[in-house]
Amino acid sequence: MGKKLFIQFGKVVNMFALLMVFQSANSTCVWVFHQPKFPDDAEKYIK
């Protein structure tokens, strides 16, 4: 039972992380003077 719950929790965390990548790939930094370098691996999620 514990291992099954741990695997389901891991899937939820992975989906949340992927949603954050989608969100950050399609938005810009709110600060005017700083736009951090965007990872090359995440560029495929840009619309």
Protein backbone atom coordinates (compact mmCIF):
# COMPACT_ATOMS: atom_id res chain seq x y z
CA MET A 1 0.00 0.00 0.00
CA GLY A 2 2.80 2.47 0.86
CA LYS A 3 4.71 1.87 -2.35
CA LYS A 4 1.57 2.36 -4.46
CA LEU A 5 0.81 5.66 -2.71
CA PHE A 6 4.40 6.82 -3.19
CA ILE A 7 4.21 6.09 -6.95
CA GLN A 8 0.92 8.00 -7.29
CA PHE A 9 2.36 10.95 -5.37
CA GLY A 10 5.39 10.94 -7.70
CA LYS A 11 3.11 11.11 -10.75
CA VAL A 12 1.29 14.12 -9.32
CA VAL A 13 4.57 15.89 -8.60
CA ASN A 14 5.80 15.18 -12.15
CA MET A 15 2.59 16.56 -13.68
CA PHE A 16 2.88 19.72 -11.56
CA ALA A 17 6.51 20.21 -12.63
CA LEU A 18 5.56 19.79 -16.30
CA LEU A 19 2.78 22.37 -15.90
CA MET A 20 5.32 24.79 -14.44
CA VAL A 21 7.58 24.24 -17.49
CA PHE A 22 4.65 24.98 -19.83
CA GLN A 23 3.81 28.12 -17.88
CA SER A 24 7.36 29.44 -17.77
CA ALA A 25 8.02 28.61 -21.42
CA ASN A 26 5.16 30.84 -22.52
CA SER A 27 5.72 33.81 -20.24
CA THR A 28 8.38 36.42 -19.67
CA CYS A 29 10.04 37.65 -16.52
CA VAL A 30 8.12 40.37 -14.67
CA TRP A 31 11.33 42.24 -13.81
CA VAL A 32 12.44 44.73 -16.43
CA PHE A 33 16.20 44.31 -16.04
CA HIS A 34 16.51 40.55 -15.62
CA GLN A 35 15.44 37.76 -17.92
CA PRO A 36 17.19 34.54 -16.85
CA LYS A 37 18.58 32.19 -19.50
CA PHE A 38 15.92 29.73 -20.62
CA PRO A 39 16.96 26.04 -20.62
CA ASP A 40 17.43 24.58 -24.12
CA ASP A 41 15.48 21.43 -23.20
CA ALA A 42 12.35 23.44 -22.34
CA GLU A 43 12.21 25.32 -25.66
CA LYS A 44 10.13 22.57 -27.26
CA TYR A 45 7.19 23.57 -25.01
CA ILE A 46 6.95 27.13 -26.38
CA LYS A 47 3.76 27.70 -28.38
